[in-house]
Amino acid sequence: MPLILAPVGQEMKIVKIILDEKTKKHLANLGILTDSTITVLSSSGGSAVCAVKAGRLALDKNVAARIYVA
């Protein structure tokens, strides 16, 4: 399921990222990689605030819709 549909507060595993290589590399530098874990802390209007490793990130709806979790 896309990250924007993930339940709030539940740790999920990233299974696929469908973005251009430049954006994937940027996300990888932030800790968002295939097989890593991510937790949605809040979501509104398609945007999501997520916990990745020890930090928090805000992802807009265009990016969050292309990150798939299970």
PDB file of N, CA and C in Angstrom:
ATOM      1  N   MET A   1       0.845  -1.177   0.000  1.00  0.00           N
ATOM      2  CA  MET A   1       0.000   0.000   0.000  1.00  0.00           C
ATOM      3  C   MET A   1       0.892   1.243   0.000  1.00  0.00           C
ATOM      4  N   PRO A   2       0.418   2.333  -0.572  1.00  0.00           N
ATOM      5  CA  PRO A   2       1.199   3.578  -0.528  1.00  0.00           C
ATOM      6  C   PRO A   2       1.321   4.097   0.910  1.00  0.00           C
ATOM      7  N   LEU A   3       2.392   4.787   1.163  1.00  0.00           N
ATOM      8  CA  LEU A   3       2.649   5.318   2.506  1.00  0.00           C
ATOM      9  C   LEU A   3       1.519   6.236   2.979  1.00  0.00           C
ATOM     10  N   ILE A   4       0.876   6.957   2.065  1.00  0.00           N
ATOM     11  CA  ILE A   4      -0.185   7.879   2.471  1.00  0.00           C
ATOM     12  C   ILE A   4      -1.415   7.152   3.017  1.00  0.00           C
ATOM     13  N   LEU A   5      -1.520   5.841   2.740  1.00  0.00           N
ATOM     14  CA  LEU A   5      -2.644   5.054   3.253  1.00  0.00           C
ATOM     15  C   LEU A   5      -2.265   4.214   4.471  1.00  0.00           C
ATOM     16  N   ALA A   6      -0.998   4.274   4.887  1.00  0.00           N
ATOM     17  CA  ALA A   6      -0.531   3.480   6.028  1.00  0.00           C
ATOM     18  C   ALA A   6      -1.172   3.980   7.318  1.00  0.00           C
ATOM     19  N   PRO A   7      -1.457   3.063   8.244  1.00  0.00           N
ATOM     20  CA  PRO A   7      -2.046   3.469   9.512  1.00  0.00           C
ATOM     21  C   PRO A   7      -1.058   4.283  10.360  1.00  0.00           C
ATOM     22  N   VAL A   8      -1.574   5.277  11.042  1.00  0.00           N
ATOM     23  CA  VAL A   8      -0.750   6.134  11.900  1.00  0.00           C
ATOM     24  C   VAL A   8      -0.282   5.345  13.114  1.00  0.00           C
ATOM     25  N   GLY A   9       1.001   5.471  13.436  1.00  0.00           N
ATOM     26  CA  GLY A   9       1.552   4.852  14.630  1.00  0.00           C
ATOM     27  C   GLY A   9       2.037   3.429  14.471  1.00  0.00           C
ATOM     28  N   GLN A  10       1.865   2.846  13.307  1.00  0.00           N
ATOM     29  CA  GLN A  10       2.280   1.462  13.097  1.00  0.00           C
ATOM     30  C   GLN A  10       3.569   1.423  12.277  1.00  0.00           C
ATOM     31  N   GLU A  11       4.563   0.689  12.772  1.00  0.00           N
ATOM     32  CA  GLU A  11       5.825   0.563  12.046  1.00  0.00           C
ATOM     33  C   GLU A  11       5.614  -0.308  10.819  1.00  0.00           C
ATOM     34  N   MET A  12       6.061   0.199   9.665  1.00  0.00           N
ATOM     35  CA  MET A  12       5.872  -0.502   8.404  1.00  0.00           C
ATOM     36  C   MET A  12       7.230  -0.684   7.722  1.00  0.00           C
ATOM     37  N   LYS A  13       7.325  -1.703   6.875  1.00  0.00           N
ATOM     38  CA  LYS A  13       8.539  -1.960   6.118  1.00  0.00           C
ATOM     39  C   LYS A  13       8.361  -1.408   4.701  1.00  0.00           C
ATOM     40  N   ILE A  14       9.362  -0.676   4.216  1.00  0.00           N
ATOM     41  CA  ILE A  14       9.315  -0.134   2.863  1.00  0.00           C
ATOM     42  C   ILE A  14       9.637  -1.270   1.888  1.00  0.00           C
ATOM     43  N   VAL A  15       8.728  -1.518   0.951  1.00  0.00           N
ATOM     44  CA  VAL A  15       8.921  -2.613   0.004  1.00  0.00           C
ATOM     45  C   VAL A  15       9.289  -2.125  -1.395  1.00  0.00           C
ATOM     46  N   LYS A  16       8.891  -0.898  -1.749  1.00  0.00           N
ATOM     47  CA  LYS A  16       9.186  -0.391  -3.089  1.00  0.00           C
ATOM     48  C   LYS A  16       9.147   1.122  -3.077  1.00  0.00           C
ATOM     49  N   ILE A  17      10.054   1.733  -3.840  1.00  0.00           N
ATOM     50  CA  ILE A  17      10.072   3.182  -4.017  1.00  0.00           C
ATOM     51  C   ILE A  17      10.083   3.445  -5.516  1.00  0.00           C
ATOM     52  N   ILE A  18       9.029   4.083  -6.023  1.00  0.00           N
ATOM     53  CA  ILE A  18       8.904   4.337  -7.450  1.00  0.00           C
ATOM     54  C   ILE A  18       9.077   5.835  -7.704  1.00  0.00           C
ATOM     55  N   LEU A  19      10.332   6.256  -7.749  1.00  0.00           N
ATOM     56  CA  LEU A  19      10.674   7.662  -7.987  1.00  0.00           C
ATOM     57  C   LEU A  19      11.900   7.714  -8.887  1.00  0.00           C
ATOM     58  N   ASP A  20      12.222   8.893  -9.390  1.00  0.00           N
ATOM     59  CA  ASP A  20      13.415   9.033 -10.216  1.00  0.00           C
ATOM     60  C   ASP A  20      14.661   8.815  -9.363  1.00  0.00           C
ATOM     61  N   GLU A  21      15.771   8.527 -10.018  1.00  0.00           N
ATOM     62  CA  GLU A  21      17.007   8.173  -9.309  1.00  0.00           C
ATOM     63  C   GLU A  21      17.513   9.298  -8.403  1.00  0.00           C
ATOM     64  N   LYS A  22      17.378  10.534  -8.822  1.00  0.00           N
ATOM     65  CA  LYS A  22      17.838  11.662  -8.004  1.00  0.00           C
ATOM     66  C   LYS A  22      17.069  11.717  -6.682  1.00  0.00           C
ATOM     67  N   THR A  23      15.756  11.564  -6.759  1.00  0.00           N
ATOM     68  CA  THR A  23      14.923  11.605  -5.555  1.00  0.00           C
ATOM     69  C   THR A  23      15.190  10.384  -4.677  1.00  0.00           C
ATOM     70  N   LYS A  24      15.367   9.201  -5.289  1.00  0.00           N
ATOM     71  CA  LYS A  24      15.677   7.995  -4.524  1.00  0.00           C
ATOM     72  C   LYS A  24      16.982   8.172  -3.751  1.00  0.00           C
ATOM     73  N   LYS A  25      17.975   8.762  -4.390  1.00  0.00           N
ATOM     74  CA  LYS A  25      19.266   8.972  -3.730  1.00  0.00           C
ATOM     75  C   LYS A  25      19.114   9.940  -2.553  1.00  0.00           C
ATOM     76  N   HIS A  26      18.328  10.988  -2.749  1.00  0.00           N
ATOM     77  CA  HIS A  26      18.085  11.946  -1.666  1.00  0.00           C
ATOM     78  C   HIS A  26      17.378  11.259  -0.497  1.00  0.00           C
ATOM     79  N   LEU A  27      16.359  10.467  -0.781  1.00  0.00           N
ATOM     80  CA  LEU A  27      15.641   9.749   0.267  1.00  0.00           C
ATOM     81  C   LEU A  27      16.555   8.743   0.973  1.00  0.00           C
ATOM     82  N   ALA A  28      17.438   8.102   0.212  1.00  0.00           N
ATOM     83  CA  ALA A  28      18.377   7.150   0.802  1.00  0.00           C
ATOM     84  C   ALA A  28      19.296   7.857   1.798  1.00  0.00           C
ATOM     85  N   ASN A  29      19.703   9.071   1.471  1.00  0.00           N
ATOM     86  CA  ASN A  29      20.538   9.849   2.386  1.00  0.00           C
ATOM     87  C   ASN A  29      19.784  10.200   3.673  1.00  0.00           C
ATOM     88  N   LEU A  30      18.460  10.251   3.593  1.00  0.00           N
ATOM     89  CA  LEU A  30      17.627  10.545   4.757  1.00  0.00           C
ATOM     90  C   LEU A  30      17.229   9.282   5.524  1.00  0.00           C
ATOM     91  N   GLY A  31      17.587   8.114   4.993  1.00  0.00           N
ATOM     92  CA  GLY A  31      17.283   6.852   5.672  1.00  0.00           C
ATOM     93  C   GLY A  31      16.081   6.118   5.125  1.00  0.00           C
ATOM     94  N   ILE A  32      15.511   6.599   4.028  1.00  0.00           N
ATOM     95  CA  ILE A  32      14.354   5.937   3.428  1.00  0.00           C
ATOM     96  C   ILE A  32      14.850   5.051   2.292  1.00  0.00           C
ATOM     97  N   LEU A  33      14.954   3.760   2.595  1.00  0.00           N
ATOM     98  CA  LEU A  33      15.461   2.762   1.658  1.00  0.00           C
ATOM     99  C   LEU A  33      14.523   1.567   1.627  1.00  0.00           C
ATOM    100  N   THR A  34      14.566   0.801   0.533  1.00  0.00           N
ATOM    101  CA  THR A  34      13.827  -0.448   0.483  1.00  0.00           C
ATOM    102  C   THR A  34      14.317  -1.349   1.609  1.00  0.00           C
ATOM    103  N   ASP A  35      13.413  -2.030   2.273  1.00  0.00           N
ATOM    104  CA  ASP A  35      13.653  -2.936   3.402  1.00  0.00           C
ATOM    105  C   ASP A  35      13.923  -2.221   4.726  1.00  0.00           C
ATOM    106  N   SER A  36      13.875  -0.890   4.757  1.00  0.00           N
ATOM    107  CA  SER A  36      13.999  -0.189   6.038  1.00  0.00           C
ATOM    108  C   SER A  36      12.594   0.013   6.619  1.00  0.00           C
ATOM    109  N   THR A  37      12.527   0.473   7.856  1.00  0.00           N
ATOM    110  CA  THR A  37      11.230   0.667   8.499  1.00  0.00           C
ATOM    111  C   THR A  37      10.913   2.151   8.609  1.00  0.00           C
ATOM    112  N   ILE A  38       9.618   2.436   8.605  1.00  0.00           N
ATOM    113  CA  ILE A  38       9.128   3.809   8.688  1.00  0.00           C
ATOM    114  C   ILE A  38       7.817   3.789   9.460  1.00  0.00           C
ATOM    115  N   THR A  39       7.557   4.835  10.226  1.00  0.00           N
ATOM    116  CA  THR A  39       6.315   4.944  10.994  1.00  0.00           C
ATOM    117  C   THR A  39       5.669   6.275  10.669  1.00  0.00           C
ATOM    118  N   VAL A  40       4.407   6.246  10.253  1.00  0.00           N
ATOM    119  CA  VAL A  40       3.669   7.479  10.001  1.00  0.00           C
ATOM    120  C   VAL A  40       3.220   8.028  11.343  1.00  0.00           C
ATOM    121  N   LEU A  41       3.639   9.253  11.648  1.00  0.00           N
ATOM    122  CA  LEU A  41       3.263   9.890  12.919  1.00  0.00           C
ATOM    123  C   LEU A  41       1.973  10.685  12.777  1.00  0.00           C
ATOM    124  N   SER A  42       1.795  11.327  11.619  1.00  0.00           N
ATOM    125  CA  SER A  42       0.544  12.032  11.339  1.00  0.00           C
ATOM    126  C   SER A  42       0.397  12.171   9.837  1.00  0.00           C
ATOM    127  N   SER A  43      -0.840  12.326   9.412  1.00  0.00           N
ATOM    128  CA  SER A  43      -1.131  12.428   7.994  1.00  0.00           C
ATOM    129  C   SER A  43      -2.332  13.340   7.793  1.00  0.00           C
ATOM    130  N   SER A  44      -2.192  14.291   6.870  1.00  0.00           N
ATOM    131  CA  SER A  44      -3.328  15.155   6.546  1.00  0.00           C
ATOM    132  C   SER A  44      -3.175  15.686   5.136  1.00  0.00           C
ATOM    133  N   GLY A  45      -4.245  15.630   4.375  1.00  0.00           N
ATOM    134  CA  GLY A  45      -4.224  16.136   3.015  1.00  0.00           C
ATOM    135  C   GLY A  45      -3.275  15.394   2.098  1.00  0.00           C
ATOM    136  N   GLY A  46      -2.905  14.170   2.445  1.00  0.00           N
ATOM    137  CA  GLY A  46      -1.987  13.396   1.632  1.00  0.00           C
ATOM    138  C   GLY A  46      -0.541  13.516   2.065  1.00  0.00           C
ATOM    139  N   SER A  47      -0.193  14.577   2.768  1.00  0.00           N
ATOM    140  CA  SER A  47       1.163  14.724   3.285  1.00  0.00           C
ATOM    141  C   SER A  47       1.307  13.871   4.537  1.00  0.00           C
ATOM    142  N   ALA A  48       2.549  13.471   4.827  1.00  0.00           N
ATOM    143  CA  ALA A  48       2.764  12.602   5.981  1.00  0.00           C
ATOM    144  C   ALA A  48       4.012  13.022   6.738  1.00  0.00           C
ATOM    145  N   VAL A  49       3.915  13.014   8.063  1.00  0.00           N
ATOM    146  CA  VAL A  49       5.078  13.205   8.920  1.00  0.00           C
ATOM    147  C   VAL A  49       5.451  11.818   9.405  1.00  0.00           C
ATOM    148  N   CYS A  50       6.715  11.435   9.153  1.00  0.00           N
ATOM    149  CA  CYS A  50       7.139  10.069   9.418  1.00  0.00           C
ATOM    150  C   CYS A  50       8.363  10.032  10.314  1.00  0.00           C
ATOM    151  N   ALA A  51       8.474   8.949  11.071  1.00  0.00           N
ATOM    152  CA  ALA A  51       9.668   8.691  11.877  1.00  0.00           C
ATOM    153  C   ALA A  51      10.523   7.700  11.107  1.00  0.00           C
ATOM    154  N   VAL A  52      11.761   8.107  10.855  1.00  0.00           N
ATOM    155  CA  VAL A  52      12.720   7.245  10.174  1.00  0.00           C
ATOM    156  C   VAL A  52      13.980   7.243  11.018  1.00  0.00           C
ATOM    157  N   LYS A  53      14.384   6.052  11.449  1.00  0.00           N
ATOM    158  CA  LYS A  53      15.523   5.920  12.364  1.00  0.00           C
ATOM    159  C   LYS A  53      15.277   6.806  13.580  1.00  0.00           C
ATOM    160  N   ALA A  54      16.141   7.779  13.868  1.00  0.00           N
ATOM    161  CA  ALA A  54      15.967   8.607  15.066  1.00  0.00           C
ATOM    162  C   ALA A  54      15.401   9.975  14.735  1.00  0.00           C
ATOM    163  N   GLY A  55      14.964  10.198  13.501  1.00  0.00           N
ATOM    164  CA  GLY A  55      14.484  11.520  13.114  1.00  0.00           C
ATOM    165  C   GLY A  55      13.073  11.516  12.575  1.00  0.00           C
ATOM    166  N   ARG A  56      12.595  12.717  12.284  1.00  0.00           N
ATOM    167  CA  ARG A  56      11.260  12.899  11.706  1.00  0.00           C
ATOM    168  C   ARG A  56      11.392  13.602  10.371  1.00  0.00           C
ATOM    169  N   LEU A  57      10.549  13.204   9.421  1.00  0.00           N
ATOM    170  CA  LEU A  57      10.551  13.800   8.091  1.00  0.00           C
ATOM    171  C   LEU A  57       9.126  14.110   7.671  1.00  0.00           C
ATOM    172  N   ALA A  58       8.966  15.203   6.953  1.00  0.00           N
ATOM    173  CA  ALA A  58       7.674  15.514   6.351  1.00  0.00           C
ATOM    174  C   ALA A  58       7.782  15.206   4.865  1.00  0.00           C
ATOM    175  N   LEU A  59       6.879  14.393   4.372  1.00  0.00           N
ATOM    176  CA  LEU A  59       6.867  14.021   2.962  1.00  0.00           C
ATOM    177  C   LEU A  59       5.592  14.554   2.315  1.00  0.00           C
ATOM    178  N   ASP A  60       5.729  15.196   1.151  1.00  0.00           N
ATOM    179  CA  ASP A  60       4.526  15.686   0.472  1.00  0.00           C
ATOM    180  C   ASP A  60       3.780  14.516  -0.166  1.00  0.00           C
ATOM    181  N   LYS A  61       2.557  14.771  -0.583  1.00  0.00           N
ATOM    182  CA  LYS A  61       1.707  13.678  -1.065  1.00  0.00           C
ATOM    183  C   LYS A  61       2.245  13.027  -2.330  1.00  0.00           C
ATOM    184  N   ASN A  62       2.955  13.770  -3.182  1.00  0.00           N
ATOM    185  CA  ASN A  62       3.493  13.188  -4.413  1.00  0.00           C
ATOM    186  C   ASN A  62       4.577  12.161  -4.118  1.00  0.00           C
ATOM    187  N   VAL A  63       5.405  12.420  -3.128  1.00  0.00           N
ATOM    188  CA  VAL A  63       6.458  11.470  -2.744  1.00  0.00           C
ATOM    189  C   VAL A  63       5.854  10.329  -1.930  1.00  0.00           C
ATOM    190  N   ALA A  64       5.014  10.637  -0.974  1.00  0.00           N
ATOM    191  CA  ALA A  64       4.431   9.613  -0.105  1.00  0.00           C
ATOM    192  C   ALA A  64       3.580   8.611  -0.895  1.00  0.00           C
ATOM    193  N   ALA A  65       2.985   9.043  -1.983  1.00  0.00           N
ATOM    194  CA  ALA A  65       2.152   8.155  -2.791  1.00  0.00           C
ATOM    195  C   ALA A  65       2.986   7.148  -3.587  1.00  0.00           C
ATOM    196  N   ARG A  66       4.290   7.416  -3.718  1.00  0.00           N
ATOM    197  CA  ARG A  66       5.159   6.545  -4.506  1.00  0.00           C
ATOM    198  C   ARG A  66       6.087   5.687  -3.645  1.00  0.00           C
ATOM    199  N   ILE A  67       5.889   5.738  -2.339  1.00  0.00           N
ATOM    200  CA  ILE A  67       6.629   4.872  -1.418  1.00  0.00           C
ATOM    201  C   ILE A  67       5.648   3.818  -0.931  1.00  0.00           C
ATOM    202  N   TYR A  68       5.957   2.553  -1.233  1.00  0.00           N
ATOM    203  CA  TYR A  68       5.039   1.476  -0.876  1.00  0.00           C
ATOM    204  C   TYR A  68       5.548   0.718   0.338  1.00  0.00           C
ATOM    205  N   VAL A  69       4.638   0.436   1.248  1.00  0.00           N
ATOM    206  CA  VAL A  69       4.971  -0.223   2.510  1.00  0.00           C
ATOM    207  C   VAL A  69       4.101  -1.459   2.710  1.00  0.00           C
ATOM    208  N   ALA A  70       4.544  -2.318   3.592  1.00  0.00           N
ATOM    209  CA  ALA A  70       3.759  -3.515   3.948  1.00  0.00           C
ATOM    210  C   ALA A  70       3.878  -3.754   5.442  1.00  0.00           C
TER     211      ALA A  70
END
